[in-house]
Amino acid sequence: MTDVQDIQRRLIELDVEHRDLDAVIDLLTLDGHHDQLQLRRLKKRKLQLKDHITLLKMQLVPDVPA
């Protein structure tokens, strides 16, 4: 397996986790009895995933000489 394939596989895993977190956050927000601390932690994790996804996508783009 190549590095590109590893990165693409990891991107898929992170995308799934990001979507799952989004669904959980939506459910907790709709429920009137949600824990604010838990909600903040989930949102923070979602942002961390987004940042990690962005970094991995940048690794897939070939460097362009200046």
PDB file of N, CA and C in Angstrom:
ATOM      1  N   MET A   1       0.838  -1.179   0.000  1.00  0.00           N
ATOM      2  CA  MET A   1       0.000   0.000   0.000  1.00  0.00           C
ATOM      3  C   MET A   1       0.886   1.247   0.000  1.00  0.00           C
ATOM      4  N   THR A   2       0.486   2.250  -0.731  1.00  0.00           N
ATOM      5  CA  THR A   2       1.293   3.463  -0.819  1.00  0.00           C
ATOM      6  C   THR A   2       0.848   4.476   0.224  1.00  0.00           C
ATOM      7  N   ASP A   3       1.659   5.517   0.352  1.00  0.00           N
ATOM      8  CA  ASP A   3       1.312   6.592   1.275  1.00  0.00           C
ATOM      9  C   ASP A   3       0.012   7.260   0.862  1.00  0.00           C
ATOM     10  N   VAL A   4      -0.192   7.440  -0.433  1.00  0.00           N
ATOM     11  CA  VAL A   4      -1.414   8.082  -0.930  1.00  0.00           C
ATOM     12  C   VAL A   4      -2.631   7.254  -0.542  1.00  0.00           C
ATOM     13  N   GLN A   5      -2.516   5.949  -0.680  1.00  0.00           N
ATOM     14  CA  GLN A   5      -3.636   5.080  -0.307  1.00  0.00           C
ATOM     15  C   GLN A   5      -3.885   5.121   1.197  1.00  0.00           C
ATOM     16  N   ASP A   6      -2.827   5.184   1.970  1.00  0.00           N
ATOM     17  CA  ASP A   6      -2.969   5.287   3.424  1.00  0.00           C
ATOM     18  C   ASP A   6      -3.672   6.588   3.809  1.00  0.00           C
ATOM     19  N   ILE A   7      -3.269   7.664   3.165  1.00  0.00           N
ATOM     20  CA  ILE A   7      -3.874   8.967   3.451  1.00  0.00           C
ATOM     21  C   ILE A   7      -5.341   8.954   3.050  1.00  0.00           C
ATOM     22  N   GLN A   8      -5.663   8.415   1.896  1.00  0.00           N
ATOM     23  CA  GLN A   8      -7.050   8.363   1.442  1.00  0.00           C
ATOM     24  C   GLN A   8      -7.906   7.508   2.370  1.00  0.00           C
ATOM     25  N   ARG A   9      -7.358   6.386   2.826  1.00  0.00           N
ATOM     26  CA  ARG A   9      -8.084   5.524   3.759  1.00  0.00           C
ATOM     27  C   ARG A   9      -8.348   6.259   5.069  1.00  0.00           C
ATOM     28  N   ARG A  10      -7.326   6.956   5.557  1.00  0.00           N
ATOM     29  CA  ARG A  10      -7.476   7.721   6.812  1.00  0.00           C
ATOM     30  C   ARG A  10      -8.481   8.852   6.638  1.00  0.00           C
ATOM     31  N   LEU A  11      -8.476   9.494   5.481  1.00  0.00           N
ATOM     32  CA  LEU A  11      -9.451  10.551   5.208  1.00  0.00           C
ATOM     33  C   LEU A  11     -10.882  10.025   5.288  1.00  0.00           C
ATOM     34  N   ILE A  12     -11.100   8.856   4.741  1.00  0.00           N
ATOM     35  CA  ILE A  12     -12.436   8.255   4.788  1.00  0.00           C
ATOM     36  C   ILE A  12     -12.845   7.987   6.235  1.00  0.00           C
ATOM     37  N   GLU A  13     -11.917   7.446   7.016  1.00  0.00           N
ATOM     38  CA  GLU A  13     -12.205   7.170   8.421  1.00  0.00           C
ATOM     39  C   GLU A  13     -12.547   8.454   9.182  1.00  0.00           C
ATOM     40  N   LEU A  14     -11.768   9.501   8.949  1.00  0.00           N
ATOM     41  CA  LEU A  14     -11.997  10.760   9.638  1.00  0.00           C
ATOM     42  C   LEU A  14     -13.298  11.417   9.182  1.00  0.00           C
ATOM     43  N   ASP A  15     -13.616  11.316   7.896  1.00  0.00           N
ATOM     44  CA  ASP A  15     -14.878  11.861   7.381  1.00  0.00           C
ATOM     45  C   ASP A  15     -16.076  11.183   8.040  1.00  0.00           C
ATOM     46  N   VAL A  16     -15.992   9.875   8.194  1.00  0.00           N
ATOM     47  CA  VAL A  16     -17.080   9.135   8.839  1.00  0.00           C
ATOM     48  C   VAL A  16     -17.232   9.579  10.290  1.00  0.00           C
ATOM     49  N   GLU A  17     -16.115   9.678  10.994  1.00  0.00           N
ATOM     50  CA  GLU A  17     -16.174  10.119  12.389  1.00  0.00           C
ATOM     51  C   GLU A  17     -16.720  11.537  12.490  1.00  0.00           C
ATOM     52  N   HIS A  18     -16.323  12.413  11.567  1.00  0.00           N
ATOM     53  CA  HIS A  18     -16.793  13.795  11.555  1.00  0.00           C
ATOM     54  C   HIS A  18     -18.306  13.847  11.350  1.00  0.00           C
ATOM     55  N   ARG A  19     -18.810  13.053  10.391  1.00  0.00           N
ATOM     56  CA  ARG A  19     -20.261  13.005  10.153  1.00  0.00           C
ATOM     57  C   ARG A  19     -21.011  12.442  11.351  1.00  0.00           C
ATOM     58  N   ASP A  20     -20.447  11.408  11.975  1.00  0.00           N
ATOM     59  CA  ASP A  20     -21.076  10.822  13.162  1.00  0.00           C
ATOM     60  C   ASP A  20     -21.160  11.841  14.295  1.00  0.00           C
ATOM     61  N   LEU A  21     -20.080  12.569  14.506  1.00  0.00           N
ATOM     62  CA  LEU A  21     -20.087  13.603  15.545  1.00  0.00           C
ATOM     63  C   LEU A  21     -21.116  14.679  15.232  1.00  0.00           C
ATOM     64  N   ASP A  22     -21.226  15.040  13.978  1.00  0.00           N
ATOM     65  CA  ASP A  22     -22.210  16.035  13.566  1.00  0.00           C
ATOM     66  C   ASP A  22     -23.622  15.561  13.913  1.00  0.00           C
ATOM     67  N   ALA A  23     -23.902  14.300  13.660  1.00  0.00           N
ATOM     68  CA  ALA A  23     -25.223  13.742  13.963  1.00  0.00           C
ATOM     69  C   ALA A  23     -25.474  13.727  15.472  1.00  0.00           C
ATOM     70  N   VAL A  24     -24.473  13.345  16.245  1.00  0.00           N
ATOM     71  CA  VAL A  24     -24.627  13.309  17.704  1.00  0.00           C
ATOM     72  C   VAL A  24     -24.853  14.717  18.246  1.00  0.00           C
ATOM     73  N   ILE A  25     -24.096  15.676  17.739  1.00  0.00           N
ATOM     74  CA  ILE A  25     -24.241  17.064  18.186  1.00  0.00           C
ATOM     75  C   ILE A  25     -25.638  17.568  17.850  1.00  0.00           C
ATOM     76  N   ASP A  26     -26.127  17.259  16.660  1.00  0.00           N
ATOM     77  CA  ASP A  26     -27.484  17.671  16.279  1.00  0.00           C
ATOM     78  C   ASP A  26     -28.529  17.065  17.210  1.00  0.00           C
ATOM     79  N   LEU A  27     -28.386  15.783  17.526  1.00  0.00           N
ATOM     80  CA  LEU A  27     -29.339  15.126  18.425  1.00  0.00           C
ATOM     81  C   LEU A  27     -29.305  15.736  19.817  1.00  0.00           C
ATOM     82  N   LEU A  28     -28.100  16.011  20.317  1.00  0.00           N
ATOM     83  CA  LEU A  28     -27.986  16.616  21.647  1.00  0.00           C
ATOM     84  C   LEU A  28     -28.552  18.027  21.669  1.00  0.00           C
ATOM     85  N   THR A  29     -28.380  18.743  20.586  1.00  0.00           N
ATOM     86  CA  THR A  29     -28.892  20.106  20.511  1.00  0.00           C
ATOM     87  C   THR A  29     -30.417  20.117  20.470  1.00  0.00           C
ATOM     88  N   LEU A  30     -30.998  19.165  19.754  1.00  0.00           N
ATOM     89  CA  LEU A  30     -32.455  19.080  19.674  1.00  0.00           C
ATOM     90  C   LEU A  30     -33.059  18.669  21.016  1.00  0.00           C
ATOM     91  N   ASP A  31     -32.342  17.828  21.753  1.00  0.00           N
ATOM     92  CA  ASP A  31     -32.795  17.403  23.079  1.00  0.00           C
ATOM     93  C   ASP A  31     -32.595  18.566  24.045  1.00  0.00           C
ATOM     94  N   GLY A  32     -33.605  18.910  24.774  1.00  0.00           N
ATOM     95  CA  GLY A  32     -33.522  20.052  25.685  1.00  0.00           C
ATOM     96  C   GLY A  32     -32.676  19.798  26.911  1.00  0.00           C
ATOM     97  N   HIS A  33     -32.300  18.545  27.174  1.00  0.00           N
ATOM     98  CA  HIS A  33     -31.579  18.202  28.392  1.00  0.00           C
ATOM     99  C   HIS A  33     -30.167  17.714  28.078  1.00  0.00           C
ATOM    100  N   HIS A  34     -29.405  18.535  27.379  1.00  0.00           N
ATOM    101  CA  HIS A  34     -28.048  18.123  27.015  1.00  0.00           C
ATOM    102  C   HIS A  34     -27.028  18.752  27.962  1.00  0.00           C
ATOM    103  N   ASP A  35     -25.913  18.091  28.091  1.00  0.00           N
ATOM    104  CA  ASP A  35     -24.816  18.531  28.936  1.00  0.00           C
ATOM    105  C   ASP A  35     -23.947  19.499  28.134  1.00  0.00           C
ATOM    106  N   GLN A  36     -23.850  20.729  28.593  1.00  0.00           N
ATOM    107  CA  GLN A  36     -23.087  21.749  27.869  1.00  0.00           C
ATOM    108  C   GLN A  36     -21.615  21.368  27.740  1.00  0.00           C
ATOM    109  N   LEU A  37     -21.045  20.795  28.791  1.00  0.00           N
ATOM    110  CA  LEU A  37     -19.639  20.413  28.745  1.00  0.00           C
ATOM    111  C   LEU A  37     -19.416  19.331  27.695  1.00  0.00           C
ATOM    112  N   GLN A  38     -20.288  18.339  27.681  1.00  0.00           N
ATOM    113  CA  GLN A  38     -20.179  17.265  26.690  1.00  0.00           C
ATOM    114  C   GLN A  38     -20.327  17.827  25.279  1.00  0.00           C
ATOM    115  N   LEU A  39     -21.259  18.730  25.101  1.00  0.00           N
ATOM    116  CA  LEU A  39     -21.483  19.338  23.795  1.00  0.00           C
ATOM    117  C   LEU A  39     -20.250  20.121  23.337  1.00  0.00           C
ATOM    118  N   ARG A  40     -19.638  20.878  24.230  1.00  0.00           N
ATOM    119  CA  ARG A  40     -18.415  21.621  23.890  1.00  0.00           C
ATOM    120  C   ARG A  40     -17.283  20.681  23.513  1.00  0.00           C
ATOM    121  N   ARG A  41     -17.154  19.579  24.242  1.00  0.00           N
ATOM    122  CA  ARG A  41     -16.086  18.615  23.946  1.00  0.00           C
ATOM    123  C   ARG A  41     -16.302  17.969  22.578  1.00  0.00           C
ATOM    124  N   LEU A  42     -17.547  17.639  22.274  1.00  0.00           N
ATOM    125  CA  LEU A  42     -17.840  17.047  20.970  1.00  0.00           C
ATOM    126  C   LEU A  42     -17.558  18.034  19.838  1.00  0.00           C
ATOM    127  N   LYS A  43     -17.925  19.288  20.040  1.00  0.00           N
ATOM    128  CA  LYS A  43     -17.670  20.307  19.014  1.00  0.00           C
ATOM    129  C   LYS A  43     -16.169  20.538  18.845  1.00  0.00           C
ATOM    130  N   LYS A  44     -15.433  20.516  19.943  1.00  0.00           N
ATOM    131  CA  LYS A  44     -13.983  20.680  19.868  1.00  0.00           C
ATOM    132  C   LYS A  44     -13.356  19.516  19.099  1.00  0.00           C
ATOM    133  N   ARG A  45     -13.804  18.305  19.384  1.00  0.00           N
ATOM    134  CA  ARG A  45     -13.291  17.124  18.678  1.00  0.00           C
ATOM    135  C   ARG A  45     -13.619  17.215  17.190  1.00  0.00           C
ATOM    136  N   LYS A  46     -14.827  17.696  16.885  1.00  0.00           N
ATOM    137  CA  LYS A  46     -15.231  17.844  15.483  1.00  0.00           C
ATOM    138  C   LYS A  46     -14.309  18.838  14.759  1.00  0.00           C
ATOM    139  N   LEU A  47     -13.966  19.926  15.419  1.00  0.00           N
ATOM    140  CA  LEU A  47     -13.047  20.901  14.820  1.00  0.00           C
ATOM    141  C   LEU A  47     -11.648  20.312  14.646  1.00  0.00           C
ATOM    142  N   GLN A  48     -11.206  19.518  15.607  1.00  0.00           N
ATOM    143  CA  GLN A  48      -9.902  18.869  15.488  1.00  0.00           C
ATOM    144  C   GLN A  48      -9.888  17.912  14.297  1.00  0.00           C
ATOM    145  N   LEU A  49     -10.984  17.191  14.121  1.00  0.00           N
ATOM    146  CA  LEU A  49     -11.083  16.285  12.978  1.00  0.00           C
ATOM    147  C   LEU A  49     -11.034  17.054  11.669  1.00  0.00           C
ATOM    148  N   LYS A  50     -11.744  18.173  11.628  1.00  0.00           N
ATOM    149  CA  LYS A  50     -11.762  18.992  10.416  1.00  0.00           C
ATOM    150  C   LYS A  50     -10.353  19.485  10.080  1.00  0.00           C
ATOM    151  N   ASP A  51      -9.622  19.924  11.099  1.00  0.00           N
ATOM    152  CA  ASP A  51      -8.250  20.380  10.886  1.00  0.00           C
ATOM    153  C   ASP A  51      -7.359  19.247  10.385  1.00  0.00           C
ATOM    154  N   HIS A  52      -7.517  18.080  10.978  1.00  0.00           N
ATOM    155  CA  HIS A  52      -6.713  16.921  10.572  1.00  0.00           C
ATOM    156  C   HIS A  52      -7.048  16.519   9.133  1.00  0.00           C
ATOM    157  N   ILE A  53      -8.325  16.554   8.792  1.00  0.00           N
ATOM    158  CA  ILE A  53      -8.754  16.238   7.423  1.00  0.00           C
ATOM    159  C   ILE A  53      -8.127  17.223   6.439  1.00  0.00           C
ATOM    160  N   THR A  54      -8.124  18.486   6.789  1.00  0.00           N
ATOM    161  CA  THR A  54      -7.537  19.515   5.925  1.00  0.00           C
ATOM    162  C   THR A  54      -6.045  19.268   5.720  1.00  0.00           C
ATOM    163  N   LEU A  55      -5.336  18.931   6.789  1.00  0.00           N
ATOM    164  CA  LEU A  55      -3.899  18.654   6.673  1.00  0.00           C
ATOM    165  C   LEU A  55      -3.635  17.446   5.780  1.00  0.00           C
ATOM    166  N   LEU A  56      -4.428  16.408   5.921  1.00  0.00           N
ATOM    167  CA  LEU A  56      -4.241  15.221   5.088  1.00  0.00           C
ATOM    168  C   LEU A  56      -4.539  15.527   3.617  1.00  0.00           C
ATOM    169  N   LYS A  57      -5.563  16.320   3.374  1.00  0.00           N
ATOM    170  CA  LYS A  57      -5.890  16.682   1.988  1.00  0.00           C
ATOM    171  C   LYS A  57      -4.764  17.502   1.368  1.00  0.00           C
ATOM    172  N   MET A  58      -4.132  18.339   2.176  1.00  0.00           N
ATOM    173  CA  MET A  58      -3.010  19.126   1.673  1.00  0.00           C
ATOM    174  C   MET A  58      -1.835  18.221   1.292  1.00  0.00           C
ATOM    175  N   GLN A  59      -1.673  17.113   1.989  1.00  0.00           N
ATOM    176  CA  GLN A  59      -0.599  16.174   1.662  1.00  0.00           C
ATOM    177  C   GLN A  59      -0.841  15.473   0.337  1.00  0.00           C
ATOM    178  N   LEU A  60      -2.094  15.380  -0.067  1.00  0.00           N
ATOM    179  CA  LEU A  60      -2.413  14.721  -1.334  1.00  0.00           C
ATOM    180  C   LEU A  60      -2.161  15.621  -2.540  1.00  0.00           C
ATOM    181  N   VAL A  61      -2.117  16.933  -2.308  1.00  0.00           N
ATOM    182  CA  VAL A  61      -1.899  17.879  -3.400  1.00  0.00           C
ATOM    183  C   VAL A  61      -0.398  17.965  -3.669  1.00  0.00           C
ATOM    184  N   PRO A  62       0.031  17.710  -4.881  1.00  0.00           N
ATOM    185  CA  PRO A  62       1.466  17.771  -5.173  1.00  0.00           C
ATOM    186  C   PRO A  62       1.996  19.202  -5.068  1.00  0.00           C
ATOM    187  N   ASP A  63       3.236  19.308  -4.642  1.00  0.00           N
ATOM    188  CA  ASP A  63       3.872  20.616  -4.550  1.00  0.00           C
ATOM    189  C   ASP A  63       4.105  21.164  -5.958  1.00  0.00           C
ATOM    190  N   VAL A  64       3.796  22.457  -6.107  1.00  0.00           N
ATOM    191  CA  VAL A  64       4.007  23.124  -7.388  1.00  0.00           C
ATOM    192  C   VAL A  64       5.253  23.997  -7.235  1.00  0.00           C
ATOM    193  N   PRO A  65       6.242  23.794  -8.099  1.00  0.00           N
ATOM    194  CA  PRO A  65       7.433  24.630  -8.002  1.00  0.00           C
ATOM    195  C   PRO A  65       7.114  26.090  -8.285  1.00  0.00           C
ATOM    196  N   ALA A  66       7.772  26.965  -7.551  1.00  0.00           N
ATOM    197  CA  ALA A  66       7.517  28.405  -7.705  1.00  0.00           C
ATOM    198  C   ALA A  66       8.153  28.949  -8.951  1.00  0.00           C
TER     199      ALA A  66
END
